[in-house]
Structures are given as C-alpha cells and as structure tokens.
C-alpha cells in the first residue's frame, strides 16, 4: 500500500513538472511573439480584394522574406534579404510611391507577400516537415530582430533595393536594362554563384505563331512578312553580356520586354530560330539588377557577413537605422 502511494506520488510530481515545463514553453513562445512584433504597423494594399489591411511591420517582413528567398539558405544571406526587403518597403513609404497604402502584395509591382498560413501549406506540399518549417520561420524571425531597423542608403538617401534570383558571372547595370538615368548604387558587379542552382540554366521554346502574334498584338511589330519575321537576331548586348535588344525585321525590341512578355527567366540568352519555334537558351533568373539571392547564399557559404554581401551588390552604400532616417526626413 505504501509502495503504491509512493509510486503515485512520484507520478503526480513528474506530471506536475511536465505540466510546468509545458506552461513555461507556452509562455516563452508568447513572450517571443510579443518581442518579435514591431511597434509599427503598415498599410498593405491587398490587390485581390482591393482593400487596405493593417499589418505589423515585422510580420510583413517575415512573410515577404519567406516568400522571396528559400529559408534553407545561409543565415547571413537571409539577413541580407531582410535588410533589402525593409529598405524596399521604407523607400515606398518615405517617397510615397504607392497610390493605395504603403505597399501592395503583388510581386510584379512591389515585393512578394504571402500570409504565413499559406506559406506553411505550400512548404508542407513541397515535403518540408513541421520541424523544418518551424526552424525556417525561426531563422527569418531572428534575422529580422538581428538587423532591427536597418536600411540601406546612398549619399544619405534611401535606395531602391532591387534584387533577383540569379546572375551567374555578373549582375546588371540598371541603366543598361531600363534605359533610365544612371543609378550609381545599381551597377554591374562580378558575381560568384553555386553552379548546382536548379534554375541556373533554362530553355523557353515559343511556337513561331505565338511569338509573332504576341508581338503584333502588343504593338511591337507590324506589317512584317513571314520571311522578315523569321530573320530574327540579337541586335545589341549590354556591358555585362546580356542581350539588350533583338531585331525583328527592321524593328528593335528590348530583351527585358521579351523577358516579361514571354516569361523568359533572364535576358542572358542565346537565340535560335527554325521554321516552327523561337528558342531561348537562358542563363540566370530575373532582371539581374541589385542583389542576387543565389550569389548572396554562395558568398555567405564562403564566410561573408550580411553587410559585406550588401556592400558587394550595392555600390557605395551605407547601412543605417531606418527610424532615425525617417525622423530626419
């Protein structure tokens, strides 16, 4: 009887300790959640329902970074992406660049933004375990806190922190691709990237009729014979080696326009034509301007810190406190 009572007492004590640890774990998670949240909220324009939603600043950054870069990437690369994402947002706010809200959720116009619950669902569909997902979220949350308030400026002005997935060998000069004014911090730089990246090379095959009709419908060409249309060639390259324009008959078309129009992954391509198809053999992924995510991850593996990565991709910039910057403005 005494033995049974003793065992029961031990069991009760063990259960009590277990419950206490469980409570402590819950309280710790709640404390981390409170500490993670920023004191500031932003106005996010949801393009799907045409409504402006109030979103915590750090939660916005978490969702953007998790949408834009694989959470498996090196921690210093994640931190660099966080600072870039925060800078991109602050630039929109400080310069009042959006008609609705501070920023929108359309990646074609602002940054990719997917709510965390949808990201979790997508990650599970890709085969990630709950433990991997939790570790990935924790890594991004920590990166946000470890780079608290940091943004990138050039000559005291916040930059347009453009970024893309991959640019083997070199990134691109913004002026070369968009024919804009010279942007001194968005220059072409040498770039090292992991050659095992799955989208390092790709191929886009467009049926001749689709290519021709799309260009005609979008006003790029008109009154061109089939023979002239088949006489397609690269007309001009940028200094970084990307295609700047192609020539179709007597018409010059920007390669960047082709990239967005046909979903070609990069303007770094070789063009071939036969009687049925237009074929683009492509290197890299994205417009090529600013930070390369694959490059950032490669440099992080080589021991570079996030600030070194940022200074590599954005020429002559400084990293400053974003709230101090906005106070001055």
C-alpha atoms as a PDB file:
ATOM      1  CA  UNK A   1       0.000   0.000   0.000  1.00  0.00           C
ATOM      2  CA  UNK A   2       2.790   2.404   0.959  1.00  0.00           C
ATOM      3  CA  UNK A   3       4.674   1.347  -2.183  1.00  0.00           C
ATOM      4  CA  UNK A   4       1.654   2.148  -4.395  1.00  0.00           C
ATOM      5  CA  UNK A   5       1.168   5.509  -2.668  1.00  0.00           C
ATOM      6  CA  UNK A   6       4.844   6.325  -3.182  1.00  0.00           C
ATOM      7  CA  UNK A   7       4.719   5.479  -6.875  1.00  0.00           C
ATOM      8  CA  UNK A   8       1.545   7.508  -7.262  1.00  0.00           C
ATOM      9  CA  UNK A   9       3.191  10.495  -5.576  1.00  0.00           C
ATOM     10  CA  UNK A  10       6.182  10.239  -7.918  1.00  0.00           C
ATOM     11  CA  UNK A  11       3.874  10.067 -10.928  1.00  0.00           C
ATOM     12  CA  UNK A  12       1.994  13.153  -9.715  1.00  0.00           C
ATOM     13  CA  UNK A  13       5.258  15.056  -9.209  1.00  0.00           C
ATOM     14  CA  UNK A  14       6.509  14.038 -12.699  1.00  0.00           C
ATOM     15  CA  UNK A  15       3.217  15.096 -14.276  1.00  0.00           C
ATOM     16  CA  UNK A  16       3.354  18.395 -12.389  1.00  0.00           C
ATOM     17  CA  UNK A  17       6.881  19.040 -13.635  1.00  0.00           C
ATOM     18  CA  UNK A  18       5.812  18.124 -17.178  1.00  0.00           C
ATOM     19  CA  UNK A  19       2.835  20.497 -16.982  1.00  0.00           C
ATOM     20  CA  UNK A  20       5.058  23.242 -15.546  1.00  0.00           C
ATOM     21  CA  UNK A  21       7.548  22.849 -18.415  1.00  0.00           C
ATOM     22  CA  UNK A  22       4.661  22.865 -20.865  1.00  0.00           C
ATOM     23  CA  UNK A  23       3.354  26.133 -19.364  1.00  0.00           C
ATOM     24  CA  UNK A  24       6.856  27.631 -19.435  1.00  0.00           C
ATOM     25  CA  UNK A  25       7.228  26.623 -23.086  1.00  0.00           C
ATOM     26  CA  UNK A  26       3.898  28.257 -23.990  1.00  0.00           C
ATOM     27  CA  UNK A  27       4.795  31.393 -22.013  1.00  0.00           C
ATOM     28  CA  UNK A  28       8.198  31.534 -23.730  1.00  0.00           C
ATOM     29  CA  UNK A  29       6.553  31.272 -27.165  1.00  0.00           C
ATOM     30  CA  UNK A  30       4.101  34.029 -26.227  1.00  0.00           C
ATOM     31  CA  UNK A  31       6.979  36.207 -24.990  1.00  0.00           C
ATOM     32  CA  UNK A  32       8.914  35.600 -28.222  1.00  0.00           C
ATOM     33  CA  UNK A  33       5.800  36.500 -30.211  1.00  0.00           C
ATOM     34  CA  UNK A  34       5.419  39.785 -28.295  1.00  0.00           C
ATOM     35  CA  UNK A  35       9.122  40.609 -28.632  1.00  0.00           C
ATOM     36  CA  UNK A  36       9.074  39.818 -32.333  1.00  0.00           C
ATOM     37  CA  UNK A  37       6.251  42.187 -33.181  1.00  0.00           C
ATOM     38  CA  UNK A  38       7.251  45.688 -34.189  1.00  0.00           C
ATOM     39  CA  UNK A  39       5.693  48.711 -32.534  1.00  0.00           C
ATOM     40  CA  UNK A  40       4.779  49.910 -36.027  1.00  0.00           C
ATOM     41  CA  UNK A  41       2.104  48.727 -38.421  1.00  0.00           C
ATOM     42  CA  UNK A  42       1.983  49.344 -42.164  1.00  0.00           C
ATOM     43  CA  UNK A  43      -0.893  49.713 -44.605  1.00  0.00           C
ATOM     44  CA  UNK A  44      -0.795  46.796 -47.044  1.00  0.00           C
ATOM     45  CA  UNK A  45      -2.915  47.115 -50.167  1.00  0.00           C
ATOM     46  CA  UNK A  46      -4.407  43.713 -50.992  1.00  0.00           C
ATOM     47  CA  UNK A  47      -4.781  43.652 -54.778  1.00  0.00           C
ATOM     48  CA  UNK A  48      -7.001  40.545 -54.618  1.00  0.00           C
ATOM     49  CA  UNK A  49      -9.861  42.217 -52.735  1.00  0.00           C
ATOM     50  CA  UNK A  50      -8.986  45.892 -53.353  1.00  0.00           C
ATOM     51  CA  UNK A  51      -8.718  46.560 -49.613  1.00  0.00           C
ATOM     52  CA  UNK A  52      -6.070  48.124 -47.389  1.00  0.00           C
ATOM     53  CA  UNK A  53      -5.096  45.961 -44.419  1.00  0.00           C
ATOM     54  CA  UNK A  54      -3.138  46.987 -41.332  1.00  0.00           C
ATOM     55  CA  UNK A  55      -0.221  44.588 -40.865  1.00  0.00           C
ATOM     56  CA  UNK A  56       2.523  44.537 -38.240  1.00  0.00           C
ATOM     57  CA  UNK A  57       5.794  45.663 -39.832  1.00  0.00           C
ATOM     58  CA  UNK A  58       7.828  42.653 -38.672  1.00  0.00           C
ATOM     59  CA  UNK A  59       5.108  40.209 -39.679  1.00  0.00           C
ATOM     60  CA  UNK A  60       5.102  41.829 -43.137  1.00  0.00           C
ATOM     61  CA  UNK A  61       8.884  41.358 -43.382  1.00  0.00           C
ATOM     62  CA  UNK A  62       8.583  37.746 -42.221  1.00  0.00           C
ATOM     63  CA  UNK A  63       6.024  36.970 -44.932  1.00  0.00           C
ATOM     64  CA  UNK A  64       7.952  38.836 -47.637  1.00  0.00           C
ATOM     65  CA  UNK A  65      11.325  37.252 -46.885  1.00  0.00           C
ATOM     66  CA  UNK A  66       9.751  33.802 -46.558  1.00  0.00           C
ATOM     67  CA  UNK A  67       8.039  34.356 -49.934  1.00  0.00           C
ATOM     68  CA  UNK A  68      11.124  35.729 -51.688  1.00  0.00           C
ATOM     69  CA  UNK A  69      14.027  33.511 -50.574  1.00  0.00           C
ATOM     70  CA  UNK A  70      14.320  29.827 -49.544  1.00  0.00           C
ATOM     71  CA  UNK A  71      14.518  29.507 -45.769  1.00  0.00           C
ATOM     72  CA  UNK A  72      17.164  26.816 -46.243  1.00  0.00           C
ATOM     73  CA  UNK A  73      19.616  29.495 -47.416  1.00  0.00           C
ATOM     74  CA  UNK A  74      22.516  30.538 -45.201  1.00  0.00           C
ATOM     75  CA  UNK A  75      21.684  32.795 -42.250  1.00  0.00           C
ATOM     76  CA  UNK A  76      23.807  35.727 -43.479  1.00  0.00           C
ATOM     77  CA  UNK A  77      22.042  35.583 -46.864  1.00  0.00           C
ATOM     78  CA  UNK A  78      18.677  35.644 -45.065  1.00  0.00           C
ATOM     79  CA  UNK A  79      19.798  38.683 -43.045  1.00  0.00           C
ATOM     80  CA  UNK A  80      20.866  40.459 -46.229  1.00  0.00           C
ATOM     81  CA  UNK A  81      17.449  39.765 -47.759  1.00  0.00           C
ATOM     82  CA  UNK A  82      15.734  41.121 -44.639  1.00  0.00           C
ATOM     83  CA  UNK A  83      17.623  44.426 -44.847  1.00  0.00           C
ATOM     84  CA  UNK A  84      16.895  44.628 -48.579  1.00  0.00           C
ATOM     85  CA  UNK A  85      13.176  43.925 -48.008  1.00  0.00           C
ATOM     86  CA  UNK A  86      12.977  46.508 -45.211  1.00  0.00           C
ATOM     87  CA  UNK A  87      14.772  49.066 -47.397  1.00  0.00           C
ATOM     88  CA  UNK A  88      12.442  48.365 -50.309  1.00  0.00           C
ATOM     89  CA  UNK A  89       9.445  48.960 -48.029  1.00  0.00           C
ATOM     90  CA  UNK A  90      10.844  52.135 -46.426  1.00  0.00           C
ATOM     91  CA  UNK A  91      11.632  53.544 -49.875  1.00  0.00           C
ATOM     92  CA  UNK A  92       7.985  53.076 -50.852  1.00  0.00           C
ATOM     93  CA  UNK A  93       6.791  54.772 -47.648  1.00  0.00           C
ATOM     94  CA  UNK A  94       9.294  57.640 -47.454  1.00  0.00           C
ATOM     95  CA  UNK A  95       8.846  58.595 -51.099  1.00  0.00           C
ATOM     96  CA  UNK A  96       5.080  57.937 -51.119  1.00  0.00           C
ATOM     97  CA  UNK A  97       5.337  55.718 -54.197  1.00  0.00           C
ATOM     98  CA  UNK A  98       2.024  53.873 -53.856  1.00  0.00           C
ATOM     99  CA  UNK A  99      -1.448  55.213 -54.637  1.00  0.00           C
ATOM    100  CA  UNK A 100      -3.096  52.852 -52.150  1.00  0.00           C
ATOM    101  CA  UNK A 101      -1.492  52.031 -48.819  1.00  0.00           C
ATOM    102  CA  UNK A 102       2.216  51.920 -48.077  1.00  0.00           C
ATOM    103  CA  UNK A 103       2.915  48.898 -50.256  1.00  0.00           C
ATOM    104  CA  UNK A 104       0.941  46.236 -52.154  1.00  0.00           C
ATOM    105  CA  UNK A 105       1.082  42.437 -52.144  1.00  0.00           C
ATOM    106  CA  UNK A 106       1.688  41.995 -55.900  1.00  0.00           C
ATOM    107  CA  UNK A 107       5.242  40.786 -56.607  1.00  0.00           C
ATOM    108  CA  UNK A 108       5.095  42.318 -60.093  1.00  0.00           C
ATOM    109  CA  UNK A 109       4.730  45.767 -58.585  1.00  0.00           C
ATOM    110  CA  UNK A 110       6.153  45.536 -55.065  1.00  0.00           C
ATOM    111  CA  UNK A 111       7.505  42.531 -53.151  1.00  0.00           C
ATOM    112  CA  UNK A 112       6.011  39.051 -52.975  1.00  0.00           C
ATOM    113  CA  UNK A 113       3.817  38.765 -49.879  1.00  0.00           C
ATOM    114  CA  UNK A 114       2.093  35.529 -48.859  1.00  0.00           C
ATOM    115  CA  UNK A 115       0.449  35.176 -45.419  1.00  0.00           C
ATOM    116  CA  UNK A 116       2.258  32.753 -43.131  1.00  0.00           C
ATOM    117  CA  UNK A 117      -0.532  30.161 -43.031  1.00  0.00           C
ATOM    118  CA  UNK A 118      -0.490  29.862 -46.832  1.00  0.00           C
ATOM    119  CA  UNK A 119       3.296  29.655 -46.847  1.00  0.00           C
ATOM    120  CA  UNK A 120       3.144  26.825 -44.304  1.00  0.00           C
ATOM    121  CA  UNK A 121       0.688  24.972 -46.501  1.00  0.00           C
ATOM    122  CA  UNK A 122       2.904  25.470 -49.565  1.00  0.00           C
ATOM    123  CA  UNK A 123       6.003  24.290 -47.680  1.00  0.00           C
ATOM    124  CA  UNK A 124       4.202  21.150 -46.493  1.00  0.00           C
ATOM    125  CA  UNK A 125       3.124  20.424 -50.066  1.00  0.00           C
ATOM    126  CA  UNK A 126       6.801  20.618 -51.052  1.00  0.00           C
ATOM    127  CA  UNK A 127       7.606  17.939 -48.484  1.00  0.00           C
ATOM    128  CA  UNK A 128       9.057  20.019 -45.649  1.00  0.00           C
ATOM    129  CA  UNK A 129       8.434  18.644 -42.147  1.00  0.00           C
ATOM    130  CA  UNK A 130       6.867  20.670 -39.337  1.00  0.00           C
ATOM    131  CA  UNK A 131      10.282  20.807 -37.662  1.00  0.00           C
ATOM    132  CA  UNK A 132      11.939  22.177 -40.823  1.00  0.00           C
ATOM    133  CA  UNK A 133       9.223  24.783 -41.272  1.00  0.00           C
ATOM    134  CA  UNK A 134       9.445  25.919 -37.652  1.00  0.00           C
ATOM    135  CA  UNK A 135      13.243  26.150 -37.929  1.00  0.00           C
ATOM    136  CA  UNK A 136      12.915  28.178 -41.144  1.00  0.00           C
ATOM    137  CA  UNK A 137      10.437  30.616 -39.604  1.00  0.00           C
ATOM    138  CA  UNK A 138      12.632  30.972 -36.519  1.00  0.00           C
ATOM    139  CA  UNK A 139      15.666  31.733 -38.706  1.00  0.00           C
ATOM    140  CA  UNK A 140      13.824  34.543 -40.518  1.00  0.00           C
ATOM    141  CA  UNK A 141      12.367  35.967 -37.290  1.00  0.00           C
ATOM    142  CA  UNK A 142      15.839  36.032 -35.752  1.00  0.00           C
ATOM    143  CA  UNK A 143      17.257  37.712 -38.873  1.00  0.00           C
ATOM    144  CA  UNK A 144      14.605  40.429 -38.608  1.00  0.00           C
ATOM    145  CA  UNK A 145      15.458  41.079 -34.961  1.00  0.00           C
ATOM    146  CA  UNK A 146      19.228  40.859 -35.508  1.00  0.00           C
ATOM    147  CA  UNK A 147      19.019  43.556 -38.220  1.00  0.00           C
ATOM    148  CA  UNK A 148      16.479  45.651 -36.343  1.00  0.00           C
ATOM    149  CA  UNK A 149      15.538  48.864 -38.183  1.00  0.00           C
ATOM    150  CA  UNK A 150      18.466  48.606 -40.614  1.00  0.00           C
ATOM    151  CA  UNK A 151      18.030  50.062 -44.116  1.00  0.00           C
ATOM    152  CA  UNK A 152      20.373  50.902 -46.997  1.00  0.00           C
ATOM    153  CA  UNK A 153      21.122  54.471 -48.107  1.00  0.00           C
ATOM    154  CA  UNK A 154      23.289  56.095 -50.767  1.00  0.00           C
ATOM    155  CA  UNK A 155      24.547  59.638 -50.112  1.00  0.00           C
ATOM    156  CA  UNK A 156      22.021  59.919 -47.307  1.00  0.00           C
ATOM    157  CA  UNK A 157      19.033  58.868 -49.428  1.00  0.00           C
ATOM    158  CA  UNK A 158      17.251  55.547 -49.092  1.00  0.00           C
ATOM    159  CA  UNK A 159      17.821  53.324 -52.115  1.00  0.00           C
ATOM    160  CA  UNK A 160      15.550  51.365 -54.408  1.00  0.00           C
ATOM    161  CA  UNK A 161      16.812  47.983 -53.188  1.00  0.00           C
ATOM    162  CA  UNK A 162      16.208  45.817 -56.233  1.00  0.00           C
ATOM    163  CA  UNK A 163      17.032  42.119 -56.100  1.00  0.00           C
ATOM    164  CA  UNK A 164      16.627  38.963 -58.178  1.00  0.00           C
ATOM    165  CA  UNK A 165      17.265  35.224 -58.023  1.00  0.00           C
ATOM    166  CA  UNK A 166      20.388  34.524 -60.050  1.00  0.00           C
ATOM    167  CA  UNK A 167      23.065  36.204 -62.209  1.00  0.00           C
ATOM    168  CA  UNK A 168      25.985  33.867 -62.908  1.00  0.00           C
ATOM    169  CA  UNK A 169      29.230  35.785 -63.556  1.00  0.00           C
ATOM    170  CA  UNK A 170      27.838  39.354 -63.375  1.00  0.00           C
ATOM    171  CA  UNK A 171      24.839  41.345 -62.215  1.00  0.00           C
ATOM    172  CA  UNK A 172      23.342  44.020 -64.480  1.00  0.00           C
ATOM    173  CA  UNK A 173      23.529  47.817 -64.546  1.00  0.00           C
ATOM    174  CA  UNK A 174      20.047  49.291 -64.061  1.00  0.00           C
ATOM    175  CA  UNK A 175      20.679  51.911 -66.734  1.00  0.00           C
ATOM    176  CA  UNK A 176      21.544  49.260 -69.319  1.00  0.00           C
ATOM    177  CA  UNK A 177      18.346  47.306 -68.868  1.00  0.00           C
ATOM    178  CA  UNK A 178      15.750  50.043 -68.345  1.00  0.00           C
ATOM    179  CA  UNK A 179      17.348  52.973 -70.216  1.00  0.00           C
ATOM    180  CA  UNK A 180      16.850  55.081 -67.081  1.00  0.00           C
ATOM    181  CA  UNK A 181      19.072  57.727 -65.539  1.00  0.00           C
ATOM    182  CA  UNK A 182      22.328  56.481 -64.103  1.00  0.00           C
ATOM    183  CA  UNK A 183      21.803  54.871 -60.682  1.00  0.00           C
ATOM    184  CA  UNK A 184      25.261  54.784 -59.063  1.00  0.00           C
ATOM    185  CA  UNK A 185      24.444  52.107 -56.494  1.00  0.00           C
ATOM    186  CA  UNK A 186      22.867  49.717 -59.045  1.00  0.00           C
ATOM    187  CA  UNK A 187      25.947  48.931 -61.096  1.00  0.00           C
ATOM    188  CA  UNK A 188      27.040  45.660 -62.687  1.00  0.00           C
ATOM    189  CA  UNK A 189      29.361  43.718 -60.351  1.00  0.00           C
ATOM    190  CA  UNK A 190      31.242  40.438 -60.566  1.00  0.00           C
ATOM    191  CA  UNK A 191      29.259  37.592 -59.079  1.00  0.00           C
ATOM    192  CA  UNK A 192      30.003  34.084 -57.813  1.00  0.00           C
ATOM    193  CA  UNK A 193      27.136  31.585 -57.697  1.00  0.00           C
ATOM    194  CA  UNK A 194      26.667  27.941 -56.801  1.00  0.00           C
ATOM    195  CA  UNK A 195      26.577  26.061 -60.099  1.00  0.00           C
ATOM    196  CA  UNK A 196      24.147  23.475 -58.697  1.00  0.00           C
ATOM    197  CA  UNK A 197      21.305  26.028 -58.524  1.00  0.00           C
ATOM    198  CA  UNK A 198      18.395  24.342 -60.321  1.00  0.00           C
ATOM    199  CA  UNK A 199      17.385  27.406 -62.344  1.00  0.00           C
ATOM    200  CA  UNK A 200      20.928  28.380 -63.338  1.00  0.00           C
ATOM    201  CA  UNK A 201      20.050  27.430 -66.927  1.00  0.00           C
ATOM    202  CA  UNK A 202      16.670  27.100 -68.623  1.00  0.00           C
ATOM    203  CA  UNK A 203      15.063  26.993 -72.042  1.00  0.00           C
ATOM    204  CA  UNK A 204      11.987  28.758 -73.373  1.00  0.00           C
ATOM    205  CA  UNK A 205      10.520  27.381 -76.617  1.00  0.00           C
ATOM    206  CA  UNK A 206       7.901  29.577 -78.295  1.00  0.00           C
ATOM    207  CA  UNK A 207       5.964  28.412 -81.324  1.00  0.00           C
ATOM    208  CA  UNK A 208       6.596  30.814 -84.192  1.00  0.00           C
ATOM    209  CA  UNK A 209       2.905  31.750 -84.438  1.00  0.00           C
ATOM    210  CA  UNK A 210       2.651  32.523 -80.692  1.00  0.00           C
ATOM    211  CA  UNK A 211       5.780  34.679 -80.762  1.00  0.00           C
ATOM    212  CA  UNK A 212       4.662  36.577 -83.865  1.00  0.00           C
ATOM    213  CA  UNK A 213       1.041  37.130 -82.803  1.00  0.00           C
ATOM    214  CA  UNK A 214       2.006  38.235 -79.278  1.00  0.00           C
ATOM    215  CA  UNK A 215       4.430  40.842 -80.619  1.00  0.00           C
ATOM    216  CA  UNK A 216       1.851  42.118 -83.102  1.00  0.00           C
ATOM    217  CA  UNK A 217      -0.946  42.237 -80.501  1.00  0.00           C
ATOM    218  CA  UNK A 218       1.266  44.213 -78.106  1.00  0.00           C
ATOM    219  CA  UNK A 219       2.326  46.714 -80.757  1.00  0.00           C
ATOM    220  CA  UNK A 220       5.969  45.741 -81.030  1.00  0.00           C
ATOM    221  CA  UNK A 221       5.865  44.962 -84.761  1.00  0.00           C
ATOM    222  CA  UNK A 222       3.524  45.476 -87.699  1.00  0.00           C
ATOM    223  CA  UNK A 223       3.425  44.917 -91.479  1.00  0.00           C
ATOM    224  CA  UNK A 224       6.244  42.361 -91.447  1.00  0.00           C
ATOM    225  CA  UNK A 225       6.312  39.398 -93.811  1.00  0.00           C
ATOM    226  CA  UNK A 226       6.832  35.861 -92.528  1.00  0.00           C
ATOM    227  CA  UNK A 227      10.241  35.815 -94.165  1.00  0.00           C
ATOM    228  CA  UNK A 228      11.254  39.023 -92.365  1.00  0.00           C
ATOM    229  CA  UNK A 229       9.846  37.686 -89.134  1.00  0.00           C
ATOM    230  CA  UNK A 230      11.982  34.578 -89.339  1.00  0.00           C
ATOM    231  CA  UNK A 231      15.036  36.773 -89.792  1.00  0.00           C
ATOM    232  CA  UNK A 232      15.367  37.333 -86.037  1.00  0.00           C
ATOM    233  CA  UNK A 233      18.718  38.040 -84.461  1.00  0.00           C
ATOM    234  CA  UNK A 234      20.351  39.617 -81.424  1.00  0.00           C
ATOM    235  CA  UNK A 235      20.960  43.276 -82.188  1.00  0.00           C
ATOM    236  CA  UNK A 236      22.861  44.575 -79.142  1.00  0.00           C
ATOM    237  CA  UNK A 237      24.429  43.413 -75.862  1.00  0.00           C
ATOM    238  CA  UNK A 238      24.909  45.221 -72.551  1.00  0.00           C
ATOM    239  CA  UNK A 239      28.359  45.584 -70.998  1.00  0.00           C
ATOM    240  CA  UNK A 240      27.601  42.679 -68.653  1.00  0.00           C
ATOM    241  CA  UNK A 241      26.982  40.366 -71.615  1.00  0.00           C
ATOM    242  CA  UNK A 242      23.203  40.238 -71.518  1.00  0.00           C
ATOM    243  CA  UNK A 243      21.048  40.819 -74.560  1.00  0.00           C
ATOM    244  CA  UNK A 244      19.908  44.437 -74.732  1.00  0.00           C
ATOM    245  CA  UNK A 245      17.802  44.351 -77.920  1.00  0.00           C
ATOM    246  CA  UNK A 246      16.839  41.910 -80.638  1.00  0.00           C
ATOM    247  CA  UNK A 247      15.964  42.779 -84.219  1.00  0.00           C
ATOM    248  CA  UNK A 248      12.815  41.528 -85.918  1.00  0.00           C
ATOM    249  CA  UNK A 249      12.735  42.803 -89.485  1.00  0.00           C
ATOM    250  CA  UNK A 250      13.513  46.489 -89.090  1.00  0.00           C
ATOM    251  CA  UNK A 251      12.114  46.625 -85.543  1.00  0.00           C
ATOM    252  CA  UNK A 252      14.276  46.663 -82.408  1.00  0.00           C
ATOM    253  CA  UNK A 253      12.739  45.104 -79.293  1.00  0.00           C
ATOM    254  CA  UNK A 254      14.156  45.339 -75.775  1.00  0.00           C
ATOM    255  CA  UNK A 255      15.175  41.989 -74.345  1.00  0.00           C
ATOM    256  CA  UNK A 256      13.724  42.990 -70.961  1.00  0.00           C
ATOM    257  CA  UNK A 257      10.332  43.439 -72.651  1.00  0.00           C
ATOM    258  CA  UNK A 258      10.661  39.934 -74.104  1.00  0.00           C
ATOM    259  CA  UNK A 259      11.547  38.562 -70.668  1.00  0.00           C
ATOM    260  CA  UNK A 260       8.383  39.900 -69.057  1.00  0.00           C
ATOM    261  CA  UNK A 261       6.168  39.301 -72.088  1.00  0.00           C
ATOM    262  CA  UNK A 262       7.060  35.630 -72.580  1.00  0.00           C
ATOM    263  CA  UNK A 263       8.225  34.586 -69.120  1.00  0.00           C
ATOM    264  CA  UNK A 264      11.847  34.098 -70.182  1.00  0.00           C
ATOM    265  CA  UNK A 265      13.866  33.731 -66.991  1.00  0.00           C
ATOM    266  CA  UNK A 266      16.663  36.136 -67.941  1.00  0.00           C
ATOM    267  CA  UNK A 267      17.922  38.404 -70.721  1.00  0.00           C
ATOM    268  CA  UNK A 268      21.191  36.475 -70.689  1.00  0.00           C
ATOM    269  CA  UNK A 269      20.228  34.150 -73.539  1.00  0.00           C
ATOM    270  CA  UNK A 270      21.251  32.623 -76.845  1.00  0.00           C
ATOM    271  CA  UNK A 271      18.607  32.841 -79.574  1.00  0.00           C
ATOM    272  CA  UNK A 272      17.925  30.231 -82.235  1.00  0.00           C
ATOM    273  CA  UNK A 273      15.175  30.056 -84.859  1.00  0.00           C
ATOM    274  CA  UNK A 274      13.739  27.308 -87.032  1.00  0.00           C
ATOM    275  CA  UNK A 275      10.619  27.135 -89.174  1.00  0.00           C
ATOM    276  CA  UNK A 276       8.425  26.235 -86.182  1.00  0.00           C
ATOM    277  CA  UNK A 277       9.923  27.661 -82.984  1.00  0.00           C
ATOM    278  CA  UNK A 278      11.839  30.514 -81.425  1.00  0.00           C
ATOM    279  CA  UNK A 279      14.195  29.034 -78.815  1.00  0.00           C
ATOM    280  CA  UNK A 280      15.795  30.939 -75.917  1.00  0.00           C
ATOM    281  CA  UNK A 281      18.603  29.129 -74.086  1.00  0.00           C
ATOM    282  CA  UNK A 282      18.895  31.092 -70.863  1.00  0.00           C
ATOM    283  CA  UNK A 283      21.409  31.612 -68.051  1.00  0.00           C
ATOM    284  CA  UNK A 284      20.256  33.066 -64.704  1.00  0.00           C
ATOM    285  CA  UNK A 285      16.871  34.050 -63.303  1.00  0.00           C
ATOM    286  CA  UNK A 286      15.420  37.564 -63.026  1.00  0.00           C
ATOM    287  CA  UNK A 287      16.237  41.053 -64.250  1.00  0.00           C
ATOM    288  CA  UNK A 288      19.768  40.815 -62.898  1.00  0.00           C
ATOM    289  CA  UNK A 289      19.846  44.158 -61.059  1.00  0.00           C
ATOM    290  CA  UNK A 290      20.938  44.530 -57.431  1.00  0.00           C
ATOM    291  CA  UNK A 291      21.328  41.641 -55.009  1.00  0.00           C
ATOM    292  CA  UNK A 292      21.493  38.109 -56.412  1.00  0.00           C
ATOM    293  CA  UNK A 293      19.908  35.716 -53.924  1.00  0.00           C
ATOM    294  CA  UNK A 294      21.873  32.692 -55.139  1.00  0.00           C
ATOM    295  CA  UNK A 295      25.014  34.811 -55.096  1.00  0.00           C
ATOM    296  CA  UNK A 296      24.261  36.058 -51.574  1.00  0.00           C
ATOM    297  CA  UNK A 297      23.875  32.471 -50.413  1.00  0.00           C
ATOM    298  CA  UNK A 298      27.130  31.492 -52.120  1.00  0.00           C
ATOM    299  CA  UNK A 299      29.031  34.385 -50.537  1.00  0.00           C
ATOM    300  CA  UNK A 300      27.533  33.508 -47.135  1.00  0.00           C
ATOM    301  CA  UNK A 301      28.867  29.958 -47.526  1.00  0.00           C
ATOM    302  CA  UNK A 302      32.272  31.495 -48.246  1.00  0.00           C
ATOM    303  CA  UNK A 303      32.134  33.330 -44.917  1.00  0.00           C
ATOM    304  CA  UNK A 304      30.842  36.757 -45.970  1.00  0.00           C
ATOM    305  CA  UNK A 305      28.604  38.596 -43.492  1.00  0.00           C
ATOM    306  CA  UNK A 306      25.275  40.125 -44.469  1.00  0.00           C
ATOM    307  CA  UNK A 307      26.679  43.670 -44.508  1.00  0.00           C
ATOM    308  CA  UNK A 308      29.597  42.574 -46.699  1.00  0.00           C
ATOM    309  CA  UNK A 309      27.089  40.964 -49.072  1.00  0.00           C
ATOM    310  CA  UNK A 310      25.025  44.159 -49.213  1.00  0.00           C
ATOM    311  CA  UNK A 311      28.075  46.328 -49.875  1.00  0.00           C
ATOM    312  CA  UNK A 312      29.119  43.966 -52.660  1.00  0.00           C
ATOM    313  CA  UNK A 313      25.864  44.225 -54.591  1.00  0.00           C
ATOM    314  CA  UNK A 314      25.008  47.886 -53.935  1.00  0.00           C
ATOM    315  CA  UNK A 315      27.920  50.164 -54.823  1.00  0.00           C
ATOM    316  CA  UNK A 316      28.929  52.898 -52.338  1.00  0.00           C
ATOM    317  CA  UNK A 317      26.048  52.445 -49.893  1.00  0.00           C
ATOM    318  CA  UNK A 318      25.733  52.690 -46.098  1.00  0.00           C
ATOM    319  CA  UNK A 319      23.538  50.744 -43.682  1.00  0.00           C
ATOM    320  CA  UNK A 320      21.726  52.990 -41.186  1.00  0.00           C
ATOM    321  CA  UNK A 321      18.889  52.986 -38.659  1.00  0.00           C
ATOM    322  CA  UNK A 322      15.649  53.303 -40.599  1.00  0.00           C
ATOM    323  CA  UNK A 323      13.717  55.124 -37.894  1.00  0.00           C
ATOM    324  CA  UNK A 324      16.459  57.682 -37.389  1.00  0.00           C
ATOM    325  CA  UNK A 325      16.483  58.158 -41.156  1.00  0.00           C
ATOM    326  CA  UNK A 326      12.727  58.740 -41.319  1.00  0.00           C
ATOM    327  CA  UNK A 327      12.873  61.212 -38.408  1.00  0.00           C
ATOM    328  CA  UNK A 328      15.404  63.270 -40.327  1.00  0.00           C
ATOM    329  CA  UNK A 329      13.111  63.237 -43.367  1.00  0.00           C
END
